[in-house]
Every structure is written in C-alpha cells, then in structure tokens.
C-alpha cells in the first residue's frame, strides 16, 4: 500500500478549498448583481407608487375643496376638515380610486341640486 505524502495531500486539500472559495465568490458576485437589479426595480416601483399616491391625494383634496364650496350655502350642515385617510380600505388602482371619489362628489352635487325646497326658500328669500 503506497502512502501519499502529507505535502501532496495538503496541496490537494488547499487546491480544493481554493476552488470552492472561488466558486463561492463567483456565486456571491452573481447573487449581488441580481439583488442590485431587484433593488433598483423595486425602487422604481416605489417611486411610481409614491407618485400615484400623491396624485390620488391631490385629487381627493381637490374634490373635498369643491364639496366644501358646494356646501357653503348649507348653513345647517356642520362642515369639518378633511378626515384622515381610511387605512382599512383595500388598495386599488389610482384611476379607480379617483373615479370613486369623483362619483361620490357628483352624487353630492346632484343631491344639492335636487333640494326639497326652491333655492329662494333655502336662502331665506320670499318667493314672489
């Protein structure tokens, strides 16, 4: 039985460890590059979502302001500041959310236009 010298076995082990370390470094470089791309893509999506959120907030604030102006003559109604966003609402597309707010605003406008009394009576004027 021939015995392999310790120095040869040591060199063989070092070569195997070096090769494994190089493969691991290459794998980590590839993984790092892939993760960097994913982070960049996620950052773009986050920015787009923030822009859409800002658009929805602006549209809601605009409709709220118009609603408050529409209710100005309704002295009996207590007008409050715009409420905080409802966090329990399911997320949706910005266009759908804006359309929903617009629909609610238009419903308010129609209900104000369909008052039970004529505008002259609502304002305390004598209808002569």
Foldseek 3Di string as FASTA:
>chain_A
DDDDDPVVVVVVVVVVVVVVVVVVVVVVVVVVVVVVVVVVVVVVVVVVVVVLVVVLVVLLVVLLVVLCVLCVLVVVDDDDPDDDDDPPDDDDGSVVSSVVSVVVSVVSNVDSVPDPDDPCVSNVHDDD
